[in-house]
């Protein structure tokens, strides 16, 4: 039974083609990938909390760019804070029907 479940889980197709694709807008990203990121993102070019002075209605981060290939997604975003904004790169992996963050780093 466990072998059958593993086979079914691995049969879930990757959401992107095998060739690299640039994603220019947040709206092009899968909602489940954004949820896995755990940070509310503003769309590219729109307002967000770019400093340590918080405006509750605005997200604390903003989408910059993304590249997807097969079951992998690399997402660049900027987040506010002291002496902000700061740029981050998150790498997400799609496996067994779920997105997870495999790496996140600040990119200066």
PDB file of N, CA and C in Angstrom:
ATOM      1  N   UNK A   1       0.827  -1.194   0.000  1.00  0.00           N
ATOM      2  CA  UNK A   1       0.000   0.000   0.000  1.00  0.00           C
ATOM      3  C   UNK A   1       0.872   1.260   0.000  1.00  0.00           C
ATOM      4  N   UNK A   2       1.964   1.244   0.764  1.00  0.00           N
ATOM      5  CA  UNK A   2       2.857   2.399   0.820  1.00  0.00           C
ATOM      6  C   UNK A   2       3.505   2.645  -0.544  1.00  0.00           C
ATOM      7  N   UNK A   3       3.897   1.598  -1.222  1.00  0.00           N
ATOM      8  CA  UNK A   3       4.492   1.715  -2.550  1.00  0.00           C
ATOM      9  C   UNK A   3       3.495   2.341  -3.531  1.00  0.00           C
ATOM     10  N   UNK A   4       2.249   1.943  -3.449  1.00  0.00           N
ATOM     11  CA  UNK A   4       1.211   2.494  -4.310  1.00  0.00           C
ATOM     12  C   UNK A   4       1.042   3.986  -4.051  1.00  0.00           C
ATOM     13  N   UNK A   5       1.027   4.403  -2.789  1.00  0.00           N
ATOM     14  CA  UNK A   5       0.885   5.817  -2.447  1.00  0.00           C
ATOM     15  C   UNK A   5       2.074   6.613  -2.962  1.00  0.00           C
ATOM     16  N   UNK A   6       3.275   6.066  -2.862  1.00  0.00           N
ATOM     17  CA  UNK A   6       4.459   6.759  -3.357  1.00  0.00           C
ATOM     18  C   UNK A   6       4.396   6.901  -4.871  1.00  0.00           C
ATOM     19  N   UNK A   7       3.911   5.894  -5.549  1.00  0.00           N
ATOM     20  CA  UNK A   7       3.793   5.942  -6.999  1.00  0.00           C
ATOM     21  C   UNK A   7       2.766   6.980  -7.425  1.00  0.00           C
ATOM     22  N   UNK A   8       1.642   7.033  -6.749  1.00  0.00           N
ATOM     23  CA  UNK A   8       0.610   8.014  -7.066  1.00  0.00           C
ATOM     24  C   UNK A   8       1.125   9.418  -6.803  1.00  0.00           C
ATOM     25  N   UNK A   9       1.811   9.624  -5.666  1.00  0.00           N
ATOM     26  CA  UNK A   9       2.339  10.941  -5.324  1.00  0.00           C
ATOM     27  C   UNK A   9       3.344  11.449  -6.341  1.00  0.00           C
ATOM     28  N   UNK A  10       4.189  10.572  -6.847  1.00  0.00           N
ATOM     29  CA  UNK A  10       5.199  11.000  -7.803  1.00  0.00           C
ATOM     30  C   UNK A  10       4.616  11.211  -9.193  1.00  0.00           C
ATOM     31  N   UNK A  11       3.395  10.773  -9.437  1.00  0.00           N
ATOM     32  CA  UNK A  11       2.770  10.926 -10.743  1.00  0.00           C
ATOM     33  C   UNK A  11       2.200  12.327 -10.952  1.00  0.00           C
ATOM     34  N   UNK A  12       2.185  13.154  -9.939  1.00  0.00           N
ATOM     35  CA  UNK A  12       1.676  14.520 -10.078  1.00  0.00           C
ATOM     36  C   UNK A  12       2.666  15.304 -10.934  1.00  0.00           C
ATOM     37  N   UNK A  13       2.181  15.860 -12.009  1.00  0.00           N
ATOM     38  CA  UNK A  13       3.040  16.554 -12.973  1.00  0.00           C
ATOM     39  C   UNK A  13       3.557  17.875 -12.417  1.00  0.00           C
ATOM     40  N   UNK A  14       4.754  18.228 -12.848  1.00  0.00           N
ATOM     41  CA  UNK A  14       5.321  19.530 -12.498  1.00  0.00           C
ATOM     42  C   UNK A  14       4.498  20.620 -13.167  1.00  0.00           C
ATOM     43  N   UNK A  15       4.321  21.756 -12.502  1.00  0.00           N
ATOM     44  CA  UNK A  15       3.439  22.792 -13.039  1.00  0.00           C
ATOM     45  C   UNK A  15       4.015  23.626 -14.181  1.00  0.00           C
ATOM     46  N   UNK A  16       5.320  23.541 -14.425  1.00  0.00           N
ATOM     47  CA  UNK A  16       5.943  24.367 -15.458  1.00  0.00           C
ATOM     48  C   UNK A  16       6.634  23.486 -16.491  1.00  0.00           C
ATOM     49  N   UNK A  17       6.862  24.022 -17.702  1.00  0.00           N
ATOM     50  CA  UNK A  17       7.585  23.261 -18.719  1.00  0.00           C
ATOM     51  C   UNK A  17       9.039  23.017 -18.306  1.00  0.00           C
ATOM     52  N   UNK A  18       9.704  22.105 -18.996  1.00  0.00           N
ATOM     53  CA  UNK A  18      11.098  21.784 -18.677  1.00  0.00           C
ATOM     54  C   UNK A  18      12.079  22.853 -19.140  1.00  0.00           C
ATOM     55  N   UNK A  19      11.638  23.769 -19.968  1.00  0.00           N
ATOM     56  CA  UNK A  19      12.510  24.868 -20.394  1.00  0.00           C
ATOM     57  C   UNK A  19      12.279  26.061 -19.469  1.00  0.00           C
ATOM     58  N   UNK A  20      13.339  26.806 -19.118  1.00  0.00           N
ATOM     59  CA  UNK A  20      13.184  27.946 -18.206  1.00  0.00           C
ATOM     60  C   UNK A  20      12.198  28.983 -18.754  1.00  0.00           C
ATOM     61  N   UNK A  21      11.372  29.507 -17.874  1.00  0.00           N
ATOM     62  CA  UNK A  21      10.392  30.530 -18.253  1.00  0.00           C
ATOM     63  C   UNK A  21      10.458  31.678 -17.262  1.00  0.00           C
ATOM     64  N   UNK A  22      10.546  32.891 -17.759  1.00  0.00           N
ATOM     65  CA  UNK A  22      10.520  34.090 -16.919  1.00  0.00           C
ATOM     66  C   UNK A  22       9.067  34.443 -16.628  1.00  0.00           C
ATOM     67  N   UNK A  23       8.798  34.765 -15.385  1.00  0.00           N
ATOM     68  CA  UNK A  23       7.462  35.189 -14.973  1.00  0.00           C
ATOM     69  C   UNK A  23       7.560  36.650 -14.550  1.00  0.00           C
ATOM     70  N   UNK A  24       6.887  37.518 -15.268  1.00  0.00           N
ATOM     71  CA  UNK A  24       7.044  38.954 -15.076  1.00  0.00           C
ATOM     72  C   UNK A  24       6.158  39.538 -13.985  1.00  0.00           C
ATOM     73  N   UNK A  25       5.110  38.814 -13.609  1.00  0.00           N
ATOM     74  CA  UNK A  25       4.166  39.370 -12.640  1.00  0.00           C
ATOM     75  C   UNK A  25       3.808  38.344 -11.580  1.00  0.00           C
ATOM     76  N   UNK A  26       3.458  38.833 -10.420  1.00  0.00           N
ATOM     77  CA  UNK A  26       3.036  37.962  -9.323  1.00  0.00           C
ATOM     78  C   UNK A  26       1.824  37.136  -9.731  1.00  0.00           C
ATOM     79  N   UNK A  27       0.947  37.703 -10.502  1.00  0.00           N
ATOM     80  CA  UNK A  27      -0.267  36.996 -10.919  1.00  0.00           C
ATOM     81  C   UNK A  27       0.038  35.752 -11.758  1.00  0.00           C
ATOM     82  N   UNK A  28       1.265  35.643 -12.281  1.00  0.00           N
ATOM     83  CA  UNK A  28       1.669  34.477 -13.065  1.00  0.00           C
ATOM     84  C   UNK A  28       2.101  33.300 -12.197  1.00  0.00           C
ATOM     85  N   UNK A  29       2.232  33.512 -10.900  1.00  0.00           N
ATOM     86  CA  UNK A  29       2.699  32.473  -9.985  1.00  0.00           C
ATOM     87  C   UNK A  29       1.545  31.634  -9.452  1.00  0.00           C
ATOM     88  N   UNK A  30       1.777  30.360  -9.186  1.00  0.00           N
ATOM     89  CA  UNK A  30       0.734  29.539  -8.559  1.00  0.00           C
ATOM     90  C   UNK A  30       0.431  30.058  -7.140  1.00  0.00           C
ATOM     91  N   UNK A  31      -0.836  30.134  -6.814  1.00  0.00           N
ATOM     92  CA  UNK A  31      -1.236  30.594  -5.481  1.00  0.00           C
ATOM     93  C   UNK A  31      -0.639  29.755  -4.366  1.00  0.00           C
ATOM     94  N   UNK A  32      -0.520  28.455  -4.592  1.00  0.00           N
ATOM     95  CA  UNK A  32       0.049  27.576  -3.563  1.00  0.00           C
ATOM     96  C   UNK A  32       1.529  27.875  -3.330  1.00  0.00           C
ATOM     97  N   UNK A  33       2.246  28.292  -4.357  1.00  0.00           N
ATOM     98  CA  UNK A  33       3.660  28.670  -4.194  1.00  0.00           C
ATOM     99  C   UNK A  33       3.768  29.946  -3.360  1.00  0.00           C
ATOM    100  N   UNK A  34       2.890  30.907  -3.628  1.00  0.00           N
ATOM    101  CA  UNK A  34       2.882  32.141  -2.828  1.00  0.00           C
ATOM    102  C   UNK A  34       2.533  31.846  -1.369  1.00  0.00           C
ATOM    103  N   UNK A  35       1.587  30.950  -1.152  1.00  0.00           N
ATOM    104  CA  UNK A  35       1.214  30.578   0.219  1.00  0.00           C
ATOM    105  C   UNK A  35       2.392  29.922   0.936  1.00  0.00           C
ATOM    106  N   UNK A  36       3.144  29.077   0.234  1.00  0.00           N
ATOM    107  CA  UNK A  36       4.300  28.410   0.840  1.00  0.00           C
ATOM    108  C   UNK A  36       5.381  29.419   1.214  1.00  0.00           C
ATOM    109  N   UNK A  37       5.484  30.500   0.455  1.00  0.00           N
ATOM    110  CA  UNK A  37       6.469  31.539   0.763  1.00  0.00           C
ATOM    111  C   UNK A  37       6.201  32.139   2.139  1.00  0.00           C
ATOM    112  N   UNK A  38       4.930  32.274   2.490  1.00  0.00           N
ATOM    113  CA  UNK A  38       4.572  32.763   3.823  1.00  0.00           C
ATOM    114  C   UNK A  38       4.699  34.259   4.006  1.00  0.00           C
ATOM    115  N   UNK A  39       4.848  35.000   2.926  1.00  0.00           N
ATOM    116  CA  UNK A  39       4.970  36.454   2.974  1.00  0.00           C
ATOM    117  C   UNK A  39       3.980  37.039   1.989  1.00  0.00           C
ATOM    118  N   UNK A  40       3.185  37.972   2.443  1.00  0.00           N
ATOM    119  CA  UNK A  40       2.225  38.619   1.546  1.00  0.00           C
ATOM    120  C   UNK A  40       2.984  39.559   0.613  1.00  0.00           C
ATOM    121  N   UNK A  41       2.846  39.358  -0.685  1.00  0.00           N
ATOM    122  CA  UNK A  41       3.565  40.149  -1.685  1.00  0.00           C
ATOM    123  C   UNK A  41       2.643  41.099  -2.427  1.00  0.00           C
ATOM    124  N   UNK A  42       3.123  42.318  -2.627  1.00  0.00           N
ATOM    125  CA  UNK A  42       2.447  43.252  -3.525  1.00  0.00           C
ATOM    126  C   UNK A  42       2.871  42.917  -4.950  1.00  0.00           C
ATOM    127  N   UNK A  43       2.050  43.273  -5.914  1.00  0.00           N
ATOM    128  CA  UNK A  43       2.406  43.071  -7.322  1.00  0.00           C
ATOM    129  C   UNK A  43       3.559  43.996  -7.677  1.00  0.00           C
ATOM    130  N   UNK A  44       4.311  43.619  -8.651  1.00  0.00           N
ATOM    131  CA  UNK A  44       5.446  44.397  -9.140  1.00  0.00           C
ATOM    132  C   UNK A  44       5.011  45.836  -9.445  1.00  0.00           C
ATOM    133  N   UNK A  45       5.789  46.792  -8.954  1.00  0.00           N
ATOM    134  CA  UNK A  45       5.517  48.195  -9.245  1.00  0.00           C
ATOM    135  C   UNK A  45       4.437  48.843  -8.398  1.00  0.00           C
ATOM    136  N   UNK A  46       3.841  48.109  -7.445  1.00  0.00           N
ATOM    137  CA  UNK A  46       2.800  48.701  -6.601  1.00  0.00           C
ATOM    138  C   UNK A  46       3.362  48.985  -5.204  1.00  0.00           C
ATOM    139  N   UNK A  47       2.586  49.706  -4.410  1.00  0.00           N
ATOM    140  CA  UNK A  47       3.030  50.121  -3.077  1.00  0.00           C
ATOM    141  C   UNK A  47       3.151  48.940  -2.115  1.00  0.00           C
ATOM    142  N   UNK A  48       4.136  49.034  -1.213  1.00  0.00           N
ATOM    143  CA  UNK A  48       4.311  48.062  -0.134  1.00  0.00           C
ATOM    144  C   UNK A  48       5.023  48.762   1.012  1.00  0.00           C
ATOM    145  N   UNK A  49       5.117  48.133   2.157  1.00  0.00           N
ATOM    146  CA  UNK A  49       5.815  48.695   3.318  1.00  0.00           C
ATOM    147  C   UNK A  49       7.317  48.575   3.103  1.00  0.00           C
ATOM    148  N   UNK A  50       7.950  49.595   2.569  1.00  0.00           N
ATOM    149  CA  UNK A  50       9.362  49.530   2.218  1.00  0.00           C
ATOM    150  C   UNK A  50      10.296  49.937   3.359  1.00  0.00           C
ATOM    151  N   UNK A  51       9.757  50.490   4.439  1.00  0.00           N
ATOM    152  CA  UNK A  51      10.606  50.891   5.563  1.00  0.00           C
ATOM    153  C   UNK A  51      10.126  50.206   6.836  1.00  0.00           C
ATOM    154  N   UNK A  52      10.662  50.629   7.964  1.00  0.00           N
ATOM    155  CA  UNK A  52      10.224  50.052   9.232  1.00  0.00           C
ATOM    156  C   UNK A  52       8.996  50.769   9.796  1.00  0.00           C
ATOM    157  N   UNK A  53       8.465  51.756   9.070  1.00  0.00           N
ATOM    158  CA  UNK A  53       7.217  52.420   9.437  1.00  0.00           C
ATOM    159  C   UNK A  53       6.098  51.634   8.735  1.00  0.00           C
ATOM    160  N   UNK A  54       5.266  50.978   9.531  1.00  0.00           N
ATOM    161  CA  UNK A  54       4.299  50.027   8.989  1.00  0.00           C
ATOM    162  C   UNK A  54       2.963  50.690   8.666  1.00  0.00           C
ATOM    163  N   UNK A  55       2.506  50.471   7.461  1.00  0.00           N
ATOM    164  CA  UNK A  55       1.155  50.827   7.031  1.00  0.00           C
ATOM    165  C   UNK A  55       0.389  49.509   6.947  1.00  0.00           C
ATOM    166  N   UNK A  56      -0.530  49.234   7.894  1.00  0.00           N
ATOM    167  CA  UNK A  56      -1.171  47.915   7.987  1.00  0.00           C
ATOM    168  C   UNK A  56      -1.886  47.434   6.722  1.00  0.00           C
ATOM    169  N   UNK A  57      -2.334  48.342   5.888  1.00  0.00           N
ATOM    170  CA  UNK A  57      -3.063  47.927   4.690  1.00  0.00           C
ATOM    171  C   UNK A  57      -2.144  47.405   3.583  1.00  0.00           C
ATOM    172  N   UNK A  58      -0.856  47.676   3.682  1.00  0.00           N
ATOM    173  CA  UNK A  58       0.069  47.293   2.616  1.00  0.00           C
ATOM    174  C   UNK A  58       0.843  46.026   2.967  1.00  0.00           C
ATOM    175  N   UNK A  59       1.176  45.217   1.958  1.00  0.00           N
ATOM    176  CA  UNK A  59       2.031  44.049   2.201  1.00  0.00           C
ATOM    177  C   UNK A  59       3.431  44.493   2.615  1.00  0.00           C
ATOM    178  N   UNK A  60       4.155  43.612   3.276  1.00  0.00           N
ATOM    179  CA  UNK A  60       5.503  43.940   3.737  1.00  0.00           C
ATOM    180  C   UNK A  60       6.562  43.640   2.685  1.00  0.00           C
ATOM    181  N   UNK A  61       6.167  43.092   1.550  1.00  0.00           N
ATOM    182  CA  UNK A  61       7.112  42.738   0.503  1.00  0.00           C
ATOM    183  C   UNK A  61       6.470  42.948  -0.867  1.00  0.00           C
ATOM    184  N   UNK A  62       7.338  42.995  -1.909  1.00  0.00           N
ATOM    185  CA  UNK A  62       6.848  43.217  -3.266  1.00  0.00           C
ATOM    186  C   UNK A  62       7.586  42.300  -4.245  1.00  0.00           C
ATOM    187  N   UNK A  63       6.830  41.709  -5.147  1.00  0.00           N
ATOM    188  CA  UNK A  63       7.360  40.844  -6.190  1.00  0.00           C
ATOM    189  C   UNK A  63       8.295  41.637  -7.105  1.00  0.00           C
ATOM    190  N   UNK A  64       9.434  41.028  -7.463  1.00  0.00           N
ATOM    191  CA  UNK A  64      10.362  41.635  -8.409  1.00  0.00           C
ATOM    192  C   UNK A  64      10.392  40.819  -9.695  1.00  0.00           C
ATOM    193  N   UNK A  65      10.693  39.517  -9.585  1.00  0.00           N
ATOM    194  CA  UNK A  65      10.756  38.661 -10.767  1.00  0.00           C
ATOM    195  C   UNK A  65      10.732  37.200 -10.337  1.00  0.00           C
ATOM    196  N   UNK A  66      10.557  36.322 -11.310  1.00  0.00           N
ATOM    197  CA  UNK A  66      10.591  34.884 -11.026  1.00  0.00           C
ATOM    198  C   UNK A  66      11.010  34.140 -12.280  1.00  0.00           C
ATOM    199  N   UNK A  67      11.596  32.970 -12.053  1.00  0.00           N
ATOM    200  CA  UNK A  67      11.919  32.064 -13.148  1.00  0.00           C
ATOM    201  C   UNK A  67      11.487  30.675 -12.722  1.00  0.00           C
ATOM    202  N   UNK A  68      10.829  29.985 -13.624  1.00  0.00           N
ATOM    203  CA  UNK A  68      10.298  28.658 -13.329  1.00  0.00           C
ATOM    204  C   UNK A  68      10.807  27.660 -14.353  1.00  0.00           C
ATOM    205  N   UNK A  69      11.023  26.436 -13.872  1.00  0.00           N
ATOM    206  CA  UNK A  69      11.411  25.341 -14.754  1.00  0.00           C
ATOM    207  C   UNK A  69      10.996  24.033 -14.097  1.00  0.00           C
ATOM    208  N   UNK A  70      10.099  23.315 -14.751  1.00  0.00           N
ATOM    209  CA  UNK A  70       9.653  22.032 -14.218  1.00  0.00           C
ATOM    210  C   UNK A  70       9.026  22.176 -12.848  1.00  0.00           C
ATOM    211  N   UNK A  71       9.643  21.568 -11.854  1.00  0.00           N
ATOM    212  CA  UNK A  71       9.136  21.598 -10.472  1.00  0.00           C
ATOM    213  C   UNK A  71       9.873  22.609  -9.601  1.00  0.00           C
ATOM    214  N   UNK A  72      10.598  23.535 -10.232  1.00  0.00           N
ATOM    215  CA  UNK A  72      11.370  24.525  -9.472  1.00  0.00           C
ATOM    216  C   UNK A  72      10.926  25.938  -9.817  1.00  0.00           C
ATOM    217  N   UNK A  73      10.959  26.784  -8.802  1.00  0.00           N
ATOM    218  CA  UNK A  73      10.585  28.183  -8.959  1.00  0.00           C
ATOM    219  C   UNK A  73      11.578  29.028  -8.170  1.00  0.00           C
ATOM    220  N   UNK A  74      12.200  29.991  -8.824  1.00  0.00           N
ATOM    221  CA  UNK A  74      13.077  30.950  -8.148  1.00  0.00           C
ATOM    222  C   UNK A  74      12.364  32.286  -8.164  1.00  0.00           C
ATOM    223  N   UNK A  75      12.164  32.837  -6.983  1.00  0.00           N
ATOM    224  CA  UNK A  75      11.361  34.042  -6.808  1.00  0.00           C
ATOM    225  C   UNK A  75      12.213  35.125  -6.165  1.00  0.00           C
ATOM    226  N   UNK A  76      12.257  36.302  -6.775  1.00  0.00           N
ATOM    227  CA  UNK A  76      12.984  37.448  -6.218  1.00  0.00           C
ATOM    228  C   UNK A  76      11.944  38.458  -5.757  1.00  0.00           C
ATOM    229  N   UNK A  77      12.127  38.933  -4.517  1.00  0.00           N
ATOM    230  CA  UNK A  77      11.204  39.933  -3.980  1.00  0.00           C
ATOM    231  C   UNK A  77      11.976  40.891  -3.093  1.00  0.00           C
ATOM    232  N   UNK A  78      11.387  42.048  -2.849  1.00  0.00           N
ATOM    233  CA  UNK A  78      11.994  43.005  -1.935  1.00  0.00           C
ATOM    234  C   UNK A  78      11.080  43.167  -0.738  1.00  0.00           C
ATOM    235  N   UNK A  79      11.709  43.295   0.432  1.00  0.00           N
ATOM    236  CA  UNK A  79      10.956  43.427   1.673  1.00  0.00           C
ATOM    237  C   UNK A  79      11.443  44.660   2.420  1.00  0.00           C
ATOM    238  N   UNK A  80      10.517  45.321   3.083  1.00  0.00           N
ATOM    239  CA  UNK A  80      10.851  46.519   3.830  1.00  0.00           C
ATOM    240  C   UNK A  80      11.517  46.211   5.147  1.00  0.00           C
ATOM    241  N   UNK A  81      11.988  47.263   5.786  1.00  0.00           N
ATOM    242  CA  UNK A  81      12.632  47.123   7.085  1.00  0.00           C
ATOM    243  C   UNK A  81      13.543  48.298   7.345  1.00  0.00           C
ATOM    244  N   UNK A  82      14.305  48.226   8.417  1.00  0.00           N
ATOM    245  CA  UNK A  82      15.257  49.278   8.753  1.00  0.00           C
ATOM    246  C   UNK A  82      16.277  49.357   7.621  1.00  0.00           C
ATOM    247  N   UNK A  83      16.513  50.571   7.136  1.00  0.00           N
ATOM    248  CA  UNK A  83      17.415  50.812   6.004  1.00  0.00           C
ATOM    249  C   UNK A  83      16.980  50.007   4.784  1.00  0.00           C
ATOM    250  N   UNK A  84      15.684  49.744   4.693  1.00  0.00           N
ATOM    251  CA  UNK A  84      15.155  48.919   3.604  1.00  0.00           C
ATOM    252  C   UNK A  84      14.892  49.738   2.378  1.00  0.00           C
ATOM    253  N   UNK A  85      14.417  49.130   1.346  1.00  0.00           N
ATOM    254  CA  UNK A  85      14.061  47.717   1.250  1.00  0.00           C
ATOM    255  C   UNK A  85      15.281  46.825   0.979  1.00  0.00           C
ATOM    256  N   UNK A  86      15.112  45.554   1.268  1.00  0.00           N
ATOM    257  CA  UNK A  86      16.142  44.543   1.045  1.00  0.00           C
ATOM    258  C   UNK A  86      15.615  43.554   0.014  1.00  0.00           C
ATOM    259  N   UNK A  87      16.508  43.017  -0.781  1.00  0.00           N
ATOM    260  CA  UNK A  87      16.120  42.060  -1.819  1.00  0.00           C
ATOM    261  C   UNK A  87      16.409  40.637  -1.351  1.00  0.00           C
ATOM    262  N   UNK A  88      15.459  39.745  -1.627  1.00  0.00           N
ATOM    263  CA  UNK A  88      15.577  38.334  -1.241  1.00  0.00           C
ATOM    264  C   UNK A  88      15.339  37.439  -2.446  1.00  0.00           C
ATOM    265  N   UNK A  89      15.962  36.266  -2.412  1.00  0.00           N
ATOM    266  CA  UNK A  89      15.725  35.242  -3.405  1.00  0.00           C
ATOM    267  C   UNK A  89      15.239  33.999  -2.678  1.00  0.00           C
ATOM    268  N   UNK A  90      14.115  33.481  -3.109  1.00  0.00           N
ATOM    269  CA  UNK A  90      13.568  32.246  -2.532  1.00  0.00           C
ATOM    270  C   UNK A  90      13.513  31.189  -3.620  1.00  0.00           C
ATOM    271  N   UNK A  91      13.929  29.992  -3.271  1.00  0.00           N
ATOM    272  CA  UNK A  91      13.838  28.861  -4.191  1.00  0.00           C
ATOM    273  C   UNK A  91      12.795  27.895  -3.647  1.00  0.00           C
ATOM    274  N   UNK A  92      11.821  27.596  -4.479  1.00  0.00           N
ATOM    275  CA  UNK A  92      10.735  26.707  -4.080  1.00  0.00           C
ATOM    276  C   UNK A  92      10.760  25.449  -4.935  1.00  0.00           C
ATOM    277  N   UNK A  93      10.302  24.363  -4.344  1.00  0.00           N
ATOM    278  CA  UNK A  93      10.288  23.058  -4.994  1.00  0.00           C
ATOM    279  C   UNK A  93       8.869  22.506  -4.928  1.00  0.00           C
ATOM    280  N   UNK A  94       8.383  21.954  -6.038  1.00  0.00           N
ATOM    281  CA  UNK A  94       7.077  21.308  -6.082  1.00  0.00           C
ATOM    282  C   UNK A  94       7.301  19.810  -6.022  1.00  0.00           C
ATOM    283  N   UNK A  95       6.792  19.182  -4.972  1.00  0.00           N
ATOM    284  CA  UNK A  95       6.962  17.740  -4.808  1.00  0.00           C
ATOM    285  C   UNK A  95       5.729  17.174  -4.130  1.00  0.00           C
ATOM    286  N   UNK A  96       5.272  16.066  -4.635  1.00  0.00           N
ATOM    287  CA  UNK A  96       4.133  15.368  -4.046  1.00  0.00           C
ATOM    288  C   UNK A  96       2.902  16.279  -3.949  1.00  0.00           C
ATOM    289  N   UNK A  97       2.753  17.160  -4.952  1.00  0.00           N
ATOM    290  CA  UNK A  97       1.577  18.018  -5.009  1.00  0.00           C
ATOM    291  C   UNK A  97       1.624  19.258  -4.137  1.00  0.00           C
ATOM    292  N   UNK A  98       2.803  19.549  -3.540  1.00  0.00           N
ATOM    293  CA  UNK A  98       2.914  20.710  -2.644  1.00  0.00           C
ATOM    294  C   UNK A  98       4.156  21.528  -2.971  1.00  0.00           C
ATOM    295  N   UNK A  99       4.056  22.834  -2.769  1.00  0.00           N
ATOM    296  CA  UNK A  99       5.204  23.733  -2.873  1.00  0.00           C
ATOM    297  C   UNK A  99       5.845  23.885  -1.502  1.00  0.00           C
ATOM    298  N   UNK A 100       7.163  23.845  -1.450  1.00  0.00           N
ATOM    299  CA  UNK A 100       7.904  24.119  -0.213  1.00  0.00           C
ATOM    300  C   UNK A 100       9.086  25.030  -0.552  1.00  0.00           C
ATOM    301  N   UNK A 101       9.467  25.851   0.402  1.00  0.00           N
ATOM    302  CA  UNK A 101      10.638  26.710   0.239  1.00  0.00           C
ATOM    303  C   UNK A 101      11.861  25.877   0.571  1.00  0.00           C
ATOM    304  N   UNK A 102      12.764  25.715  -0.384  1.00  0.00           N
ATOM    305  CA  UNK A 102      13.964  24.928  -0.147  1.00  0.00           C
ATOM    306  C   UNK A 102      15.145  25.805   0.257  1.00  0.00           C
ATOM    307  N   UNK A 103      15.112  27.096  -0.094  1.00  0.00           N
ATOM    308  CA  UNK A 103      16.192  28.007   0.259  1.00  0.00           C
ATOM    309  C   UNK A 103      15.672  29.435   0.177  1.00  0.00           C
ATOM    310  N   UNK A 104      16.152  30.274   1.102  1.00  0.00           N
ATOM    311  CA  UNK A 104      15.816  31.696   1.073  1.00  0.00           C
ATOM    312  C   UNK A 104      17.067  32.450   1.520  1.00  0.00           C
ATOM    313  N   UNK A 105      17.452  33.465   0.744  1.00  0.00           N
ATOM    314  CA  UNK A 105      18.650  34.220   1.101  1.00  0.00           C
ATOM    315  C   UNK A 105      18.490  35.671   0.723  1.00  0.00           C
ATOM    316  N   UNK A 106      19.180  36.523   1.463  1.00  0.00           N
ATOM    317  CA  UNK A 106      19.153  37.939   1.145  1.00  0.00           C
ATOM    318  C   UNK A 106      20.185  38.186   0.054  1.00  0.00           C
ATOM    319  N   UNK A 107      19.771  38.873  -0.989  1.00  0.00           N
ATOM    320  CA  UNK A 107      20.685  39.185  -2.081  1.00  0.00           C
ATOM    321  C   UNK A 107      20.859  40.687  -2.123  1.00  0.00           C
ATOM    322  N   UNK A 108      22.026  41.128  -1.932  1.00  0.00           N
ATOM    323  CA  UNK A 108      22.299  42.573  -1.845  1.00  0.00           C
ATOM    324  C   UNK A 108      22.299  43.131  -3.222  1.00  0.00           C
TER     325      UNK A 108
END
